Amino acid sequence: MTAISSGPLAGRRALVTGGSRGIGAAIVRRLTADGAHVAFTFKSSTAAAEDLCAEVRESGGVIAAIAADSADPTEVGIAVDSAVAALGGLDILVNNVGAGHIAPIDSYSQEKFDEMVAINLSGTFAFIHHALPHLAEGARIINIGSINAERVQSPGLAVYAMTKGAIASLTRGMARDLGPRGITVNNVQPGPVATSANPDEGDHADLSRSIMALGRYGATDEVASVVSFLSGPESAYVTGANWNVDGGFTV
């Protein structure tokens, strides 16, 4: 099939980190469906990455998969360079990769703390830092945070919430830094979204549903649609925003 050449993101080139599964894969599918050429990173889910590439190419999309450890700044730099080479440039960066470890703060190990910071915070900074030389006026940086930056509904989430709160602050600060260059920076904060890593059943899910105004878990494509909007021309005046996509988790 020929490449998709129409849509609101036609001609745009995007890198999505952690794009082989869950919300990341939904973002990859949506951006390619909207006409963007997309590269995505993955760490160990090789089969899922290959399947996603085959699916997108069958639909006429342009896609490239890049193996990279987001906690390793050297691998991050190589991944960005590989994406630029594969796509011929870069216009959109979606920082989706993230890790979650739930444990009481008194038993939270230093090793796990360092791992969470390395992936959720340092990795996001590293991707932005390496991508910036390739981003021109009109480029978009979209971080995928979490509603736990604003509300922590149960014990054990303190460190995770800390990393996502830092992403919200980083987004606001970078919006100031990059606004004069015509680059927007925004943060999408999903609430409970049904994925294999976050199933919509069990005691934790029941608690989450009881908090939300809509009383249901979100779907990955509901997050991806917001990312697509923030990637496109109609969001040119939106920057420094923390967008809650949470079914009313915080109302």
C-alpha atoms as a PDB file:
ATOM      1  CA  MET A   1       0.000   0.000   0.000  1.00  0.00           C
ATOM      2  CA  THR A   2       1.095   3.600  -0.548  1.00  0.00           C
ATOM      3  CA  ALA A   3       1.925   5.762   2.449  1.00  0.00           C
ATOM      4  CA  ILE A   4      -0.840   7.812   4.030  1.00  0.00           C
ATOM      5  CA  SER A   5      -0.479  11.303   2.546  1.00  0.00           C
ATOM      6  CA  SER A   6      -3.506  13.100   3.979  1.00  0.00           C
ATOM      7  CA  GLY A   7      -4.752  13.978   7.424  1.00  0.00           C
ATOM      8  CA  PRO A   8      -4.044  16.745   9.928  1.00  0.00           C
ATOM      9  CA  LEU A   9      -0.509  15.473  10.554  1.00  0.00           C
ATOM     10  CA  ALA A  10       0.493  14.758   6.959  1.00  0.00           C
ATOM     11  CA  GLY A  11       4.167  15.535   6.427  1.00  0.00           C
ATOM     12  CA  ARG A  12       4.939  15.607  10.155  1.00  0.00           C
ATOM     13  CA  ARG A  13       7.575  13.339  11.701  1.00  0.00           C
ATOM     14  CA  ALA A  14       7.102  12.007  15.232  1.00  0.00           C
ATOM     15  CA  LEU A  15       9.075  10.034  17.781  1.00  0.00           C
ATOM     16  CA  VAL A  16       7.035   8.218  20.439  1.00  0.00           C
ATOM     17  CA  THR A  17       8.960   6.720  23.343  1.00  0.00           C
ATOM     18  CA  GLY A  18       7.714   3.436  24.789  1.00  0.00           C
ATOM     19  CA  GLY A  19       5.432   2.917  21.815  1.00  0.00           C
ATOM     20  CA  SER A  20       5.089  -0.843  21.482  1.00  0.00           C
ATOM     21  CA  ARG A  21       2.232  -1.447  23.926  1.00  0.00           C
ATOM     22  CA  GLY A  22      -0.631   0.161  25.817  1.00  0.00           C
ATOM     23  CA  ILE A  23      -1.089   3.920  25.568  1.00  0.00           C
ATOM     24  CA  GLY A  24       2.119   4.255  23.536  1.00  0.00           C
ATOM     25  CA  ALA A  25       0.922   1.863  20.838  1.00  0.00           C
ATOM     26  CA  ALA A  26      -2.426   3.666  20.662  1.00  0.00           C
ATOM     27  CA  ILE A  27      -0.576   6.959  20.154  1.00  0.00           C
ATOM     28  CA  VAL A  28       1.522   5.426  17.375  1.00  0.00           C
ATOM     29  CA  ARG A  29      -1.597   4.110  15.648  1.00  0.00           C
ATOM     30  CA  ARG A  30      -3.412   7.446  15.903  1.00  0.00           C
ATOM     31  CA  LEU A  31      -0.511   9.596  14.700  1.00  0.00           C
ATOM     32  CA  THR A  32       0.126   7.355  11.705  1.00  0.00           C
ATOM     33  CA  ALA A  33      -3.602   7.248  10.904  1.00  0.00           C
ATOM     34  CA  ASP A  34      -3.559  11.053  10.941  1.00  0.00           C
ATOM     35  CA  GLY A  35      -0.748  11.088   8.383  1.00  0.00           C
ATOM     36  CA  ALA A  36       2.428  11.396  10.463  1.00  0.00           C
ATOM     37  CA  HIS A  37       5.527   9.326   9.834  1.00  0.00           C
ATOM     38  CA  VAL A  38       6.374   7.755  13.189  1.00  0.00           C
ATOM     39  CA  ALA A  39       9.347   6.161  14.897  1.00  0.00           C
ATOM     40  CA  PHE A  40       8.896   4.607  18.323  1.00  0.00           C
ATOM     41  CA  THR A  41      11.172   3.138  20.947  1.00  0.00           C
ATOM     42  CA  PHE A  42      10.804  -0.098  22.869  1.00  0.00           C
ATOM     43  CA  LYS A  43      13.028  -1.866  25.361  1.00  0.00           C
ATOM     44  CA  SER A  44      12.251  -5.595  25.431  1.00  0.00           C
ATOM     45  CA  SER A  45       8.878  -6.215  23.750  1.00  0.00           C
ATOM     46  CA  THR A  46      10.360  -7.071  20.354  1.00  0.00           C
ATOM     47  CA  ALA A  47       7.432  -9.188  19.163  1.00  0.00           C
ATOM     48  CA  ALA A  48       4.901  -6.472  20.029  1.00  0.00           C
ATOM     49  CA  ALA A  49       7.036  -3.869  18.236  1.00  0.00           C
ATOM     50  CA  GLU A  50       7.240  -6.018  15.105  1.00  0.00           C
ATOM     51  CA  ASP A  51       3.505  -6.676  15.147  1.00  0.00           C
ATOM     52  CA  LEU A  52       2.736  -2.967  15.477  1.00  0.00           C
ATOM     53  CA  CYS A  53       5.021  -2.107  12.567  1.00  0.00           C
ATOM     54  CA  ALA A  54       3.368  -4.744  10.393  1.00  0.00           C
ATOM     55  CA  GLU A  55      -0.097  -3.457  11.332  1.00  0.00           C
ATOM     56  CA  VAL A  56       0.733   0.162  10.538  1.00  0.00           C
ATOM     57  CA  ARG A  57       2.448  -0.663   7.253  1.00  0.00           C
ATOM     58  CA  GLU A  58      -0.516  -2.780   6.183  1.00  0.00           C
ATOM     59  CA  SER A  59      -2.662   0.344   6.642  1.00  0.00           C
ATOM     60  CA  GLY A  60      -0.284   2.417   4.536  1.00  0.00           C
ATOM     61  CA  GLY A  61       1.582   4.129   7.370  1.00  0.00           C
ATOM     62  CA  VAL A  62       5.289   4.897   7.620  1.00  0.00           C
ATOM     63  CA  ILE A  63       6.851   3.559  10.817  1.00  0.00           C
ATOM     64  CA  ALA A  64      10.173   2.557  12.362  1.00  0.00           C
ATOM     65  CA  ALA A  65      10.885   0.682  15.619  1.00  0.00           C
ATOM     66  CA  ILE A  66      14.010   1.473  17.634  1.00  0.00           C
ATOM     67  CA  ALA A  67      15.271  -0.595  20.572  1.00  0.00           C
ATOM     68  CA  ALA A  68      16.435   1.653  23.418  1.00  0.00           C
ATOM     69  CA  ASP A  69      16.675   1.779  27.197  1.00  0.00           C
ATOM     70  CA  SER A  70      15.172   5.117  28.219  1.00  0.00           C
ATOM     71  CA  ALA A  71      17.127   5.068  31.473  1.00  0.00           C
ATOM     72  CA  ASP A  72      20.432   5.142  29.572  1.00  0.00           C
ATOM     73  CA  PRO A  73      21.276   8.638  28.216  1.00  0.00           C
ATOM     74  CA  THR A  74      23.661   7.178  25.627  1.00  0.00           C
ATOM     75  CA  GLU A  75      20.966   4.899  24.219  1.00  0.00           C
ATOM     76  CA  VAL A  76      18.508   7.808  24.250  1.00  0.00           C
ATOM     77  CA  GLY A  77      20.867   9.868  22.103  1.00  0.00           C
ATOM     78  CA  ILE A  78      21.325   7.009  19.655  1.00  0.00           C
ATOM     79  CA  ALA A  79      17.549   6.476  19.500  1.00  0.00           C
ATOM     80  CA  VAL A  80      16.886  10.124  18.645  1.00  0.00           C
ATOM     81  CA  ASP A  81      19.561  10.090  15.944  1.00  0.00           C
ATOM     82  CA  SER A  82      18.111   6.858  14.548  1.00  0.00           C
ATOM     83  CA  ALA A  83      14.602   8.348  14.440  1.00  0.00           C
ATOM     84  CA  VAL A  84      15.850  11.458  12.651  1.00  0.00           C
ATOM     85  CA  ALA A  85      17.706   9.300  10.121  1.00  0.00           C
ATOM     86  CA  ALA A  86      14.691   7.055   9.531  1.00  0.00           C
ATOM     87  CA  LEU A  87      12.189   9.894   9.176  1.00  0.00           C
ATOM     88  CA  GLY A  88      14.364  12.579   7.592  1.00  0.00           C
ATOM     89  CA  GLY A  89      13.855  14.955  10.518  1.00  0.00           C
ATOM     90  CA  LEU A  90      11.707  15.464  13.591  1.00  0.00           C
ATOM     91  CA  ASP A  91       8.682  17.652  14.334  1.00  0.00           C
ATOM     92  CA  ILE A  92       6.936  15.914  17.258  1.00  0.00           C
ATOM     93  CA  LEU A  93       8.304  14.240  20.370  1.00  0.00           C
ATOM     94  CA  VAL A  94       5.929  12.239  22.579  1.00  0.00           C
ATOM     95  CA  ASN A  95       7.521  11.190  25.874  1.00  0.00           C
ATOM     96  CA  ASN A  96       5.336   8.240  26.778  1.00  0.00           C
ATOM     97  CA  VAL A  97       7.766   5.736  28.280  1.00  0.00           C
ATOM     98  CA  GLY A  98       7.315   5.249  32.003  1.00  0.00           C
ATOM     99  CA  ALA A  99       7.602   2.812  34.880  1.00  0.00           C
ATOM    100  CA  GLY A 100       5.433   2.189  37.908  1.00  0.00           C
ATOM    101  CA  HIS A 101       6.354   0.567  41.211  1.00  0.00           C
ATOM    102  CA  ILE A 102       3.874   0.589  44.070  1.00  0.00           C
ATOM    103  CA  ALA A 103       5.141   0.037  47.616  1.00  0.00           C
ATOM    104  CA  PRO A 104       4.819   1.669  51.046  1.00  0.00           C
ATOM    105  CA  ILE A 105       7.330   4.455  51.474  1.00  0.00           C
ATOM    106  CA  ASP A 106       8.999   2.776  54.466  1.00  0.00           C
ATOM    107  CA  SER A 107       9.825  -0.296  52.375  1.00  0.00           C
ATOM    108  CA  TYR A 108      10.591   1.498  49.099  1.00  0.00           C
ATOM    109  CA  SER A 109      14.159   0.572  48.191  1.00  0.00           C
ATOM    110  CA  GLN A 110      16.719   3.124  47.047  1.00  0.00           C
ATOM    111  CA  GLU A 111      17.285   0.971  43.960  1.00  0.00           C
ATOM    112  CA  LYS A 112      13.622   1.212  42.951  1.00  0.00           C
ATOM    113  CA  PHE A 113      13.559   4.940  43.721  1.00  0.00           C
ATOM    114  CA  ASP A 114      16.565   5.522  41.453  1.00  0.00           C
ATOM    115  CA  GLU A 115      15.008   3.372  38.725  1.00  0.00           C
ATOM    116  CA  MET A 116      11.767   5.356  38.790  1.00  0.00           C
ATOM    117  CA  VAL A 117      13.594   8.672  38.590  1.00  0.00           C
ATOM    118  CA  ALA A 118      15.877   7.402  35.815  1.00  0.00           C
ATOM    119  CA  ILE A 119      13.002   6.262  33.600  1.00  0.00           C
ATOM    120  CA  ASN A 120      10.146   8.627  34.408  1.00  0.00           C
ATOM    121  CA  LEU A 121      12.084  11.846  34.854  1.00  0.00           C
ATOM    122  CA  SER A 122      15.688  11.651  33.648  1.00  0.00           C
ATOM    123  CA  GLY A 123      14.643   9.706  30.546  1.00  0.00           C
ATOM    124  CA  THR A 124      12.080  12.329  29.608  1.00  0.00           C
ATOM    125  CA  PHE A 125      14.647  15.113  30.031  1.00  0.00           C
ATOM    126  CA  ALA A 126      17.231  13.190  27.989  1.00  0.00           C
ATOM    127  CA  PHE A 127      14.876  12.650  25.057  1.00  0.00           C
ATOM    128  CA  ILE A 128      13.955  16.342  25.035  1.00  0.00           C
ATOM    129  CA  HIS A 129      17.581  17.401  25.350  1.00  0.00           C
ATOM    130  CA  HIS A 130      18.700  15.229  22.438  1.00  0.00           C
ATOM    131  CA  ALA A 131      15.690  16.084  20.265  1.00  0.00           C
ATOM    132  CA  LEU A 132      15.870  19.870  20.599  1.00  0.00           C
ATOM    133  CA  PRO A 133      18.623  20.413  17.994  1.00  0.00           C
ATOM    134  CA  HIS A 134      16.300  18.787  15.456  1.00  0.00           C
ATOM    135  CA  LEU A 135      13.117  20.697  16.381  1.00  0.00           C
ATOM    136  CA  ALA A 136      12.236  23.880  14.521  1.00  0.00           C
ATOM    137  CA  GLU A 137       9.470  26.448  14.882  1.00  0.00           C
ATOM    138  CA  GLY A 138       6.090  24.742  15.014  1.00  0.00           C
ATOM    139  CA  ALA A 139       7.452  21.613  16.683  1.00  0.00           C
ATOM    140  CA  ARG A 140       5.564  19.892  19.486  1.00  0.00           C
ATOM    141  CA  ILE A 141       6.773  18.223  22.677  1.00  0.00           C
ATOM    142  CA  ILE A 142       4.114  16.205  24.478  1.00  0.00           C
ATOM    143  CA  ASN A 143       4.817  14.504  27.777  1.00  0.00           C
ATOM    144  CA  ILE A 144       2.632  11.715  29.128  1.00  0.00           C
ATOM    145  CA  GLY A 145       2.358  12.257  32.871  1.00  0.00           C
ATOM    146  CA  SER A 146      -0.278  10.971  35.254  1.00  0.00           C
ATOM    147  CA  ILE A 147      -3.257  12.230  37.182  1.00  0.00           C
ATOM    148  CA  ASN A 148      -1.379  11.031  40.272  1.00  0.00           C
ATOM    149  CA  ALA A 149       0.592  14.265  39.984  1.00  0.00           C
ATOM    150  CA  GLU A 150      -2.577  15.906  41.337  1.00  0.00           C
ATOM    151  CA  ARG A 151      -4.341  13.190  43.295  1.00  0.00           C
ATOM    152  CA  VAL A 152      -3.021  10.066  45.004  1.00  0.00           C
ATOM    153  CA  GLN A 153      -5.977   7.799  45.717  1.00  0.00           C
ATOM    154  CA  SER A 154      -4.248   5.013  47.642  1.00  0.00           C
ATOM    155  CA  PRO A 155      -1.032   4.234  49.568  1.00  0.00           C
ATOM    156  CA  GLY A 156       2.147   3.128  47.833  1.00  0.00           C
ATOM    157  CA  LEU A 157       2.112   5.701  45.030  1.00  0.00           C
ATOM    158  CA  ALA A 158       4.253   8.426  46.605  1.00  0.00           C
ATOM    159  CA  VAL A 159       7.387   7.992  44.480  1.00  0.00           C
ATOM    160  CA  TYR A 160       5.453   7.478  41.245  1.00  0.00           C
ATOM    161  CA  ALA A 161       3.386  10.589  41.983  1.00  0.00           C
ATOM    162  CA  MET A 162       6.573  12.534  42.710  1.00  0.00           C
ATOM    163  CA  THR A 163       8.050  11.699  39.302  1.00  0.00           C
ATOM    164  CA  LYS A 164       4.849  12.678  37.506  1.00  0.00           C
ATOM    165  CA  GLY A 165       4.553  15.886  39.511  1.00  0.00           C
ATOM    166  CA  ALA A 166       8.068  16.730  38.377  1.00  0.00           C
ATOM    167  CA  ILE A 167       7.027  16.138  34.758  1.00  0.00           C
ATOM    168  CA  ALA A 168       4.178  18.642  35.188  1.00  0.00           C
ATOM    169  CA  SER A 169       6.612  21.251  36.494  1.00  0.00           C
ATOM    170  CA  LEU A 170       9.169  20.468  33.794  1.00  0.00           C
ATOM    171  CA  THR A 171       6.460  20.980  31.184  1.00  0.00           C
ATOM    172  CA  ARG A 172       5.550  24.432  32.465  1.00  0.00           C
ATOM    173  CA  GLY A 173       9.179  25.514  32.691  1.00  0.00           C
ATOM    174  CA  MET A 174      10.119  24.246  29.241  1.00  0.00           C
ATOM    175  CA  ALA A 175       7.076  25.952  27.739  1.00  0.00           C
ATOM    176  CA  ARG A 176       8.636  29.228  28.916  1.00  0.00           C
ATOM    177  CA  ASP A 177      12.072  28.272  27.618  1.00  0.00           C
ATOM    178  CA  LEU A 178      10.901  27.141  24.192  1.00  0.00           C
ATOM    179  CA  GLY A 179       7.990  29.507  23.538  1.00  0.00           C
ATOM    180  CA  PRO A 180      10.226  32.113  21.870  1.00  0.00           C
ATOM    181  CA  ARG A 181      11.352  29.402  19.447  1.00  0.00           C
ATOM    182  CA  GLY A 182       7.762  28.567  18.494  1.00  0.00           C
ATOM    183  CA  ILE A 183       7.909  25.125  20.127  1.00  0.00           C
ATOM    184  CA  THR A 184       5.001  24.117  22.342  1.00  0.00           C
ATOM    185  CA  VAL A 185       5.350  21.822  25.356  1.00  0.00           C
ATOM    186  CA  ASN A 186       2.325  20.152  26.939  1.00  0.00           C
ATOM    187  CA  ASN A 187       1.633  17.345  29.400  1.00  0.00           C
ATOM    188  CA  VAL A 188      -1.203  14.815  29.089  1.00  0.00           C
ATOM    189  CA  GLN A 189      -2.183  13.368  32.471  1.00  0.00           C
ATOM    190  CA  PRO A 190      -4.209  10.171  32.034  1.00  0.00           C
ATOM    191  CA  GLY A 191      -6.375   8.867  34.822  1.00  0.00           C
ATOM    192  CA  PRO A 192      -7.111   5.139  35.088  1.00  0.00           C
ATOM    193  CA  VAL A 193      -6.800   3.695  31.581  1.00  0.00           C
ATOM    194  CA  ALA A 194      -7.343   0.012  30.839  1.00  0.00           C
ATOM    195  CA  THR A 195      -4.105  -1.688  29.749  1.00  0.00           C
ATOM    196  CA  SER A 196      -2.440  -5.009  30.448  1.00  0.00           C
ATOM    197  CA  ALA A 197      -0.346  -3.261  33.100  1.00  0.00           C
ATOM    198  CA  ASN A 198      -3.366  -1.499  34.620  1.00  0.00           C
ATOM    199  CA  PRO A 199      -6.400  -3.799  34.322  1.00  0.00           C
ATOM    200  CA  ASP A 200      -9.885  -2.422  34.866  1.00  0.00           C
ATOM    201  CA  GLU A 201     -10.849  -5.137  37.345  1.00  0.00           C
ATOM    202  CA  GLY A 202      -9.956  -5.955  40.930  1.00  0.00           C
ATOM    203  CA  ASP A 203     -10.030  -4.030  44.213  1.00  0.00           C
ATOM    204  CA  HIS A 204      -7.765  -1.226  42.992  1.00  0.00           C
ATOM    205  CA  ALA A 205      -9.898  -0.751  39.876  1.00  0.00           C
ATOM    206  CA  ASP A 206     -13.087  -0.712  41.943  1.00  0.00           C
ATOM    207  CA  LEU A 207     -11.639   2.055  44.134  1.00  0.00           C
ATOM    208  CA  SER A 208     -10.622   4.092  41.103  1.00  0.00           C
ATOM    209  CA  ARG A 209     -14.048   3.774  39.491  1.00  0.00           C
ATOM    210  CA  SER A 210     -15.711   4.947  42.700  1.00  0.00           C
ATOM    211  CA  ILE A 211     -13.694   8.163  42.541  1.00  0.00           C
ATOM    212  CA  MET A 212     -14.283   9.056  38.881  1.00  0.00           C
ATOM    213  CA  ALA A 213     -17.227  11.174  37.742  1.00  0.00           C
ATOM    214  CA  LEU A 214     -17.757   8.905  34.720  1.00  0.00           C
ATOM    215  CA  GLY A 215     -17.356   5.733  36.781  1.00  0.00           C
ATOM    216  CA  ARG A 216     -15.331   3.875  34.169  1.00  0.00           C
ATOM    217  CA  TYR A 217     -11.777   3.312  33.021  1.00  0.00           C
ATOM    218  CA  GLY A 218     -10.587   5.125  29.913  1.00  0.00           C
ATOM    219  CA  ALA A 219      -9.508   3.521  26.665  1.00  0.00           C
ATOM    220  CA  THR A 220      -6.027   4.003  25.264  1.00  0.00           C
ATOM    221  CA  ASP A 221      -7.368   5.623  22.098  1.00  0.00           C
ATOM    222  CA  GLU A 222      -9.067   8.295  24.230  1.00  0.00           C
ATOM    223  CA  VAL A 223      -5.631   9.398  25.398  1.00  0.00           C
ATOM    224  CA  ALA A 224      -4.199   9.100  21.888  1.00  0.00           C
ATOM    225  CA  SER A 225      -6.850  11.453  20.483  1.00  0.00           C
ATOM    226  CA  VAL A 226      -5.720  14.222  22.852  1.00  0.00           C
ATOM    227  CA  VAL A 227      -2.088  13.637  21.879  1.00  0.00           C
ATOM    228  CA  SER A 228      -3.031  13.885  18.210  1.00  0.00           C
ATOM    229  CA  PHE A 229      -4.786  17.209  18.806  1.00  0.00           C
ATOM    230  CA  LEU A 230      -1.780  18.611  20.682  1.00  0.00           C
ATOM    231  CA  SER A 231       0.442  17.452  17.813  1.00  0.00           C
ATOM    232  CA  GLY A 232      -1.574  19.254  15.155  1.00  0.00           C
ATOM    233  CA  PRO A 233      -2.072  22.756  13.781  1.00  0.00           C
ATOM    234  CA  GLU A 234      -5.221  23.526  15.786  1.00  0.00           C
ATOM    235  CA  SER A 235      -3.294  23.445  19.088  1.00  0.00           C
ATOM    236  CA  ALA A 236      -0.702  26.065  18.104  1.00  0.00           C
ATOM    237  CA  TYR A 237      -1.785  28.411  20.929  1.00  0.00           C
ATOM    238  CA  VAL A 238      -1.685  25.728  23.638  1.00  0.00           C
ATOM    239  CA  THR A 239       1.527  25.402  25.642  1.00  0.00           C
ATOM    240  CA  GLY A 240       2.516  24.729  29.232  1.00  0.00           C
ATOM    241  CA  ALA A 241      -0.786  22.936  29.844  1.00  0.00           C
ATOM    242  CA  ASN A 242      -1.350  19.875  31.998  1.00  0.00           C
ATOM    243  CA  TRP A 243      -4.323  18.160  30.358  1.00  0.00           C
ATOM    244  CA  ASN A 244      -6.280  15.802  32.600  1.00  0.00           C
ATOM    245  CA  VAL A 245      -7.742  12.889  30.631  1.00  0.00           C
ATOM    246  CA  ASP A 246      -9.202  11.170  33.656  1.00  0.00           C
ATOM    247  CA  GLY A 247     -12.956  10.613  33.507  1.00  0.00           C
ATOM    248  CA  GLY A 248     -13.433  13.163  36.263  1.00  0.00           C
ATOM    249  CA  PHE A 249     -10.900  11.632  38.671  1.00  0.00           C
ATOM    250  CA  THR A 250      -9.992  15.080  40.036  1.00  0.00           C
ATOM    251  CA  VAL A 251     -13.353  16.861  40.072  1.00  0.00           C
END
